[in-house]
Amino acid sequence: MDISIRHNKTKDILLELVAIAFLATGGIFVKYSALSPINTGFYRVLFSLPILYPLAYKNLKQLKRKDIIILFLAGVFLAGDISLWNLSFSYTSVANANLLTNLTPFTVIPVSFFLFKEKIPKLFFAGAVITLLGVFILIGGKINPSTYNYFGDFLAFCASFFYASFLLISYRLTELRAVS
């Protein structure tokens, strides 16, 4: 069995941490936005296009039909993630929504192991136990629990699957483009 391992550069990991910090704090702005959660998500993506388009312009001409279909599918999953995540803020706290949406490793790592034959990091299981303990404390420790809170938690949890699917497709497409 051919098991591969990812080789992440330190600068890539640092950039990812900065991006996650911006995403997490973005939830506060979504929660207090005067617009609906879906509209807020739409404008977040719309306003990023003028920044991202010049970076991708050269590569757009080289895309094959298969790449476009895969990118479209990734976009559908990203839209589902943003919609569910933003909507979850209407029902639960920013902390719960961020934590539950960031459970993506529980999807990405097993899928990467079975589909892409990647090794499971040694500390994944220790981190998984700590994370699950934190999730149970956070969800079970609500002062005034309501069905709205749990519905918001559920939406955020579902968003994690959409986000994980987006990440898996994006990673795989990037990996395939690097090989070809």
C-alpha atoms as a PDB file:
ATOM      1  CA  MET A   1       0.000   0.000   0.000  1.00  0.00           C
ATOM      2  CA  ASP A   2       1.420   3.376  -1.050  1.00  0.00           C
ATOM      3  CA  ILE A   3       0.961   5.785   1.859  1.00  0.00           C
ATOM      4  CA  SER A   4       2.020   9.347   1.151  1.00  0.00           C
ATOM      5  CA  ILE A   5       2.546  12.165   3.602  1.00  0.00           C
ATOM      6  CA  ARG A   6       2.032  15.890   3.101  1.00  0.00           C
ATOM      7  CA  HIS A   7       5.021  18.163   3.271  1.00  0.00           C
ATOM      8  CA  ASN A   8       3.812  21.578   4.410  1.00  0.00           C
ATOM      9  CA  LYS A   9       6.198  24.491   4.456  1.00  0.00           C
ATOM     10  CA  THR A  10       6.314  26.624   7.589  1.00  0.00           C
ATOM     11  CA  LYS A  11       5.228  29.749   5.715  1.00  0.00           C
ATOM     12  CA  ASP A  12       2.188  27.895   4.333  1.00  0.00           C
ATOM     13  CA  ILE A  13       1.148  26.810   7.812  1.00  0.00           C
ATOM     14  CA  LEU A  14       1.593  30.355   9.155  1.00  0.00           C
ATOM     15  CA  LEU A  15      -0.482  31.788   6.299  1.00  0.00           C
ATOM     16  CA  GLU A  16      -3.160  29.195   7.004  1.00  0.00           C
ATOM     17  CA  LEU A  17      -3.244  30.197  10.685  1.00  0.00           C
ATOM     18  CA  VAL A  18      -3.641  33.865   9.725  1.00  0.00           C
ATOM     19  CA  ALA A  19      -6.446  32.952   7.317  1.00  0.00           C
ATOM     20  CA  ILE A  20      -8.220  30.913  10.008  1.00  0.00           C
ATOM     21  CA  ALA A  21      -7.902  33.809  12.455  1.00  0.00           C
ATOM     22  CA  PHE A  22      -9.531  36.133   9.922  1.00  0.00           C
ATOM     23  CA  LEU A  23     -12.280  33.606   9.246  1.00  0.00           C
ATOM     24  CA  ALA A  24     -12.974  33.113  12.935  1.00  0.00           C
ATOM     25  CA  THR A  25     -13.194  36.824  13.691  1.00  0.00           C
ATOM     26  CA  GLY A  26     -15.300  37.259  10.565  1.00  0.00           C
ATOM     27  CA  GLY A  27     -18.040  35.358  12.349  1.00  0.00           C
ATOM     28  CA  ILE A  28     -18.466  38.250  14.767  1.00  0.00           C
ATOM     29  CA  PHE A  29     -19.131  40.611  11.872  1.00  0.00           C
ATOM     30  CA  VAL A  30     -21.595  38.148  10.341  1.00  0.00           C
ATOM     31  CA  LYS A  31     -23.503  37.818  13.615  1.00  0.00           C
ATOM     32  CA  TYR A  32     -23.925  41.573  13.994  1.00  0.00           C
ATOM     33  CA  SER A  33     -24.410  42.420  10.315  1.00  0.00           C
ATOM     34  CA  ALA A  34     -27.553  44.309   9.329  1.00  0.00           C
ATOM     35  CA  LEU A  35     -27.840  42.028   6.293  1.00  0.00           C
ATOM     36  CA  SER A  36     -29.187  38.492   6.377  1.00  0.00           C
ATOM     37  CA  PRO A  37     -26.558  35.775   6.947  1.00  0.00           C
ATOM     38  CA  ILE A  38     -26.793  34.511   3.354  1.00  0.00           C
ATOM     39  CA  ASN A  39     -26.437  38.016   1.903  1.00  0.00           C
ATOM     40  CA  THR A  40     -23.460  38.690   4.155  1.00  0.00           C
ATOM     41  CA  GLY A  41     -21.784  35.513   2.869  1.00  0.00           C
ATOM     42  CA  PHE A  42     -22.544  36.516  -0.716  1.00  0.00           C
ATOM     43  CA  TYR A  43     -20.932  39.929  -0.291  1.00  0.00           C
ATOM     44  CA  ARG A  44     -17.885  38.460   1.476  1.00  0.00           C
ATOM     45  CA  VAL A  45     -17.252  36.321  -1.592  1.00  0.00           C
ATOM     46  CA  LEU A  46     -18.173  39.062  -4.070  1.00  0.00           C
ATOM     47  CA  PHE A  47     -15.759  41.572  -2.495  1.00  0.00           C
ATOM     48  CA  SER A  48     -12.926  39.027  -2.578  1.00  0.00           C
ATOM     49  CA  LEU A  49     -13.218  38.497  -6.337  1.00  0.00           C
ATOM     50  CA  PRO A  50     -11.433  41.709  -7.415  1.00  0.00           C
ATOM     51  CA  ILE A  51      -8.509  40.728  -5.180  1.00  0.00           C
ATOM     52  CA  LEU A  52      -8.337  37.077  -6.276  1.00  0.00           C
ATOM     53  CA  TYR A  53      -9.070  37.480 -10.006  1.00  0.00           C
ATOM     54  CA  PRO A  54      -5.736  39.111 -10.936  1.00  0.00           C
ATOM     55  CA  LEU A  55      -3.895  36.342  -9.085  1.00  0.00           C
ATOM     56  CA  ALA A  56      -5.729  33.607 -11.004  1.00  0.00           C
ATOM     57  CA  TYR A  57      -6.168  35.301 -14.400  1.00  0.00           C
ATOM     58  CA  LYS A  58      -3.197  33.624 -16.136  1.00  0.00           C
ATOM     59  CA  ASN A  59      -4.157  30.165 -14.934  1.00  0.00           C
ATOM     60  CA  LEU A  60      -7.809  30.465 -15.990  1.00  0.00           C
ATOM     61  CA  LYS A  61      -6.862  30.157 -19.661  1.00  0.00           C
ATOM     62  CA  GLN A  62      -5.099  26.835 -19.012  1.00  0.00           C
ATOM     63  CA  LEU A  63      -8.063  25.147 -17.335  1.00  0.00           C
ATOM     64  CA  LYS A  64      -9.521  22.073 -18.952  1.00  0.00           C
ATOM     65  CA  ARG A  65     -13.213  21.231 -18.923  1.00  0.00           C
ATOM     66  CA  LYS A  66     -12.651  18.642 -16.161  1.00  0.00           C
ATOM     67  CA  ASP A  67     -10.866  21.263 -14.022  1.00  0.00           C
ATOM     68  CA  ILE A  68     -13.766  23.684 -14.453  1.00  0.00           C
ATOM     69  CA  ILE A  69     -16.264  21.027 -13.346  1.00  0.00           C
ATOM     70  CA  ILE A  70     -14.144  20.194 -10.295  1.00  0.00           C
ATOM     71  CA  LEU A  71     -13.773  23.890  -9.443  1.00  0.00           C
ATOM     72  CA  PHE A  72     -17.530  24.346  -9.796  1.00  0.00           C
ATOM     73  CA  LEU A  73     -18.100  21.435  -7.421  1.00  0.00           C
ATOM     74  CA  ALA A  74     -15.616  22.953  -4.953  1.00  0.00           C
ATOM     75  CA  GLY A  75     -17.516  26.242  -5.245  1.00  0.00           C
ATOM     76  CA  VAL A  76     -20.806  24.509  -4.464  1.00  0.00           C
ATOM     77  CA  PHE A  77     -19.303  23.025  -1.302  1.00  0.00           C
ATOM     78  CA  LEU A  78     -17.782  26.378  -0.321  1.00  0.00           C
ATOM     79  CA  ALA A  79     -21.159  28.081  -0.859  1.00  0.00           C
ATOM     80  CA  GLY A  80     -22.827  25.428   1.307  1.00  0.00           C
ATOM     81  CA  ASP A  81     -20.217  25.961   4.007  1.00  0.00           C
ATOM     82  CA  ILE A  82     -20.556  29.741   4.009  1.00  0.00           C
ATOM     83  CA  SER A  83     -24.360  29.591   3.932  1.00  0.00           C
ATOM     84  CA  LEU A  84     -24.692  27.085   6.771  1.00  0.00           C
ATOM     85  CA  TRP A  85     -21.958  28.687   8.850  1.00  0.00           C
ATOM     86  CA  ASN A  86     -23.386  32.195   8.480  1.00  0.00           C
ATOM     87  CA  LEU A  87     -26.892  30.943   9.173  1.00  0.00           C
ATOM     88  CA  SER A  88     -25.729  29.138  12.319  1.00  0.00           C
ATOM     89  CA  PHE A  89     -24.807  32.495  13.899  1.00  0.00           C
ATOM     90  CA  SER A  90     -28.502  33.371  13.975  1.00  0.00           C
ATOM     91  CA  TYR A  91     -29.162  30.434  16.299  1.00  0.00           C
ATOM     92  CA  THR A  92     -26.026  29.774  18.348  1.00  0.00           C
ATOM     93  CA  SER A  93     -23.007  31.602  19.711  1.00  0.00           C
ATOM     94  CA  VAL A  94     -19.998  32.614  17.625  1.00  0.00           C
ATOM     95  CA  ALA A  95     -17.831  30.329  19.771  1.00  0.00           C
ATOM     96  CA  ASN A  96     -20.013  27.281  19.131  1.00  0.00           C
ATOM     97  CA  ALA A  97     -20.340  28.003  15.413  1.00  0.00           C
ATOM     98  CA  ASN A  98     -16.588  28.452  14.990  1.00  0.00           C
ATOM     99  CA  LEU A  99     -15.680  25.380  17.005  1.00  0.00           C
ATOM    100  CA  LEU A 100     -18.173  23.089  15.307  1.00  0.00           C
ATOM    101  CA  THR A 101     -17.363  24.332  11.812  1.00  0.00           C
ATOM    102  CA  ASN A 102     -13.678  23.750  12.477  1.00  0.00           C
ATOM    103  CA  LEU A 103     -14.237  20.040  13.098  1.00  0.00           C
ATOM    104  CA  THR A 104     -13.171  19.510   9.486  1.00  0.00           C
ATOM    105  CA  PRO A 105     -10.121  17.387  10.441  1.00  0.00           C
ATOM    106  CA  PHE A 106     -12.564  14.696  11.591  1.00  0.00           C
ATOM    107  CA  THR A 107     -13.645  14.456   7.954  1.00  0.00           C
ATOM    108  CA  VAL A 108     -10.474  15.415   6.083  1.00  0.00           C
ATOM    109  CA  ILE A 109      -8.045  13.077   7.841  1.00  0.00           C
ATOM    110  CA  PRO A 110     -10.054   9.833   7.536  1.00  0.00           C
ATOM    111  CA  VAL A 111     -11.026  10.615   3.922  1.00  0.00           C
ATOM    112  CA  SER A 112      -7.389  11.453   3.098  1.00  0.00           C
ATOM    113  CA  PHE A 113      -6.321   8.158   4.652  1.00  0.00           C
ATOM    114  CA  PHE A 114      -8.813   6.010   2.749  1.00  0.00           C
ATOM    115  CA  LEU A 115      -8.942   7.843  -0.594  1.00  0.00           C
ATOM    116  CA  PHE A 116      -5.489   9.390  -0.939  1.00  0.00           C
ATOM    117  CA  LYS A 117      -3.549   6.804   1.120  1.00  0.00           C
ATOM    118  CA  GLU A 118      -2.048   9.466   3.409  1.00  0.00           C
ATOM    119  CA  LYS A 119      -0.728   8.693   6.874  1.00  0.00           C
ATOM    120  CA  ILE A 120      -2.776   9.728   9.873  1.00  0.00           C
ATOM    121  CA  PRO A 121      -0.645  12.068  12.020  1.00  0.00           C
ATOM    122  CA  LYS A 122       0.356  10.502  15.344  1.00  0.00           C
ATOM    123  CA  LEU A 123      -1.112  13.319  17.417  1.00  0.00           C
ATOM    124  CA  PHE A 124      -4.457  13.246  15.604  1.00  0.00           C
ATOM    125  CA  PHE A 125      -6.021  10.815  18.057  1.00  0.00           C
ATOM    126  CA  ALA A 126      -4.843  12.747  21.127  1.00  0.00           C
ATOM    127  CA  GLY A 127      -6.124  15.959  19.564  1.00  0.00           C
ATOM    128  CA  ALA A 128      -9.393  14.245  18.659  1.00  0.00           C
ATOM    129  CA  VAL A 129     -10.027  13.191  22.245  1.00  0.00           C
ATOM    130  CA  ILE A 130      -9.296  16.688  23.571  1.00  0.00           C
ATOM    131  CA  THR A 131     -11.437  18.293  20.865  1.00  0.00           C
ATOM    132  CA  LEU A 132     -14.404  16.002  21.454  1.00  0.00           C
ATOM    133  CA  LEU A 133     -14.181  16.621  25.192  1.00  0.00           C
ATOM    134  CA  GLY A 134     -14.244  20.369  24.489  1.00  0.00           C
ATOM    135  CA  VAL A 135     -17.209  20.004  22.145  1.00  0.00           C
ATOM    136  CA  PHE A 136     -19.223  18.097  24.757  1.00  0.00           C
ATOM    137  CA  ILE A 137     -18.371  20.664  27.432  1.00  0.00           C
ATOM    138  CA  LEU A 138     -19.255  23.580  25.158  1.00  0.00           C
ATOM    139  CA  ILE A 139     -22.529  22.121  23.912  1.00  0.00           C
ATOM    140  CA  GLY A 140     -23.572  20.547  27.211  1.00  0.00           C
ATOM    141  CA  GLY A 141     -22.616  23.542  29.316  1.00  0.00           C
ATOM    142  CA  LYS A 142     -25.218  25.989  28.001  1.00  0.00           C
ATOM    143  CA  ILE A 143     -26.851  28.031  30.727  1.00  0.00           C
ATOM    144  CA  ASN A 144     -30.218  28.292  29.001  1.00  0.00           C
ATOM    145  CA  PRO A 145     -30.254  25.628  26.295  1.00  0.00           C
ATOM    146  CA  SER A 146     -32.951  25.859  23.656  1.00  0.00           C
ATOM    147  CA  THR A 147     -33.805  24.046  20.483  1.00  0.00           C
ATOM    148  CA  TYR A 148     -32.580  27.132  18.582  1.00  0.00           C
ATOM    149  CA  ASN A 149     -29.117  26.756  20.122  1.00  0.00           C
ATOM    150  CA  TYR A 150     -28.934  23.104  19.174  1.00  0.00           C
ATOM    151  CA  PHE A 151     -30.242  23.844  15.678  1.00  0.00           C
ATOM    152  CA  GLY A 152     -27.476  26.439  15.231  1.00  0.00           C
ATOM    153  CA  ASP A 153     -24.926  23.923  16.505  1.00  0.00           C
ATOM    154  CA  PHE A 154     -26.263  21.390  13.998  1.00  0.00           C
ATOM    155  CA  LEU A 155     -25.984  23.899  11.128  1.00  0.00           C
ATOM    156  CA  ALA A 156     -22.380  24.674  12.086  1.00  0.00           C
ATOM    157  CA  PHE A 157     -21.577  20.973  12.342  1.00  0.00           C
ATOM    158  CA  CYS A 158     -23.047  20.391   8.864  1.00  0.00           C
ATOM    159  CA  ALA A 159     -20.994  23.327   7.578  1.00  0.00           C
ATOM    160  CA  SER A 160     -17.872  21.446   8.668  1.00  0.00           C
ATOM    161  CA  PHE A 161     -18.670  18.667   6.175  1.00  0.00           C
ATOM    162  CA  PHE A 162     -19.134  21.177   3.369  1.00  0.00           C
ATOM    163  CA  TYR A 163     -15.882  22.918   4.304  1.00  0.00           C
ATOM    164  CA  ALA A 164     -14.034  19.596   4.510  1.00  0.00           C
ATOM    165  CA  SER A 165     -15.353  18.619   1.068  1.00  0.00           C
ATOM    166  CA  PHE A 166     -14.217  21.968  -0.330  1.00  0.00           C
ATOM    167  CA  LEU A 167     -10.749  21.502   1.187  1.00  0.00           C
ATOM    168  CA  LEU A 168     -10.427  17.940  -0.083  1.00  0.00           C
ATOM    169  CA  ILE A 169     -11.417  18.899  -3.624  1.00  0.00           C
ATOM    170  CA  SER A 170      -9.147  21.959  -3.604  1.00  0.00           C
ATOM    171  CA  TYR A 171      -6.209  19.992  -2.242  1.00  0.00           C
ATOM    172  CA  ARG A 172      -6.669  17.179  -4.718  1.00  0.00           C
ATOM    173  CA  LEU A 173      -7.029  19.572  -7.661  1.00  0.00           C
ATOM    174  CA  THR A 174      -3.898  21.453  -6.585  1.00  0.00           C
ATOM    175  CA  GLU A 175      -2.022  18.172  -6.233  1.00  0.00           C
ATOM    176  CA  LEU A 176      -3.142  16.991  -9.682  1.00  0.00           C
ATOM    177  CA  ARG A 177      -2.233  20.329 -11.293  1.00  0.00           C
ATOM    178  CA  ALA A 178       1.265  20.159  -9.735  1.00  0.00           C
ATOM    179  CA  VAL A 179       1.833  16.693 -11.208  1.00  0.00           C
ATOM    180  CA  SER A 180       0.691  17.586 -14.725  1.00  0.00           C
END
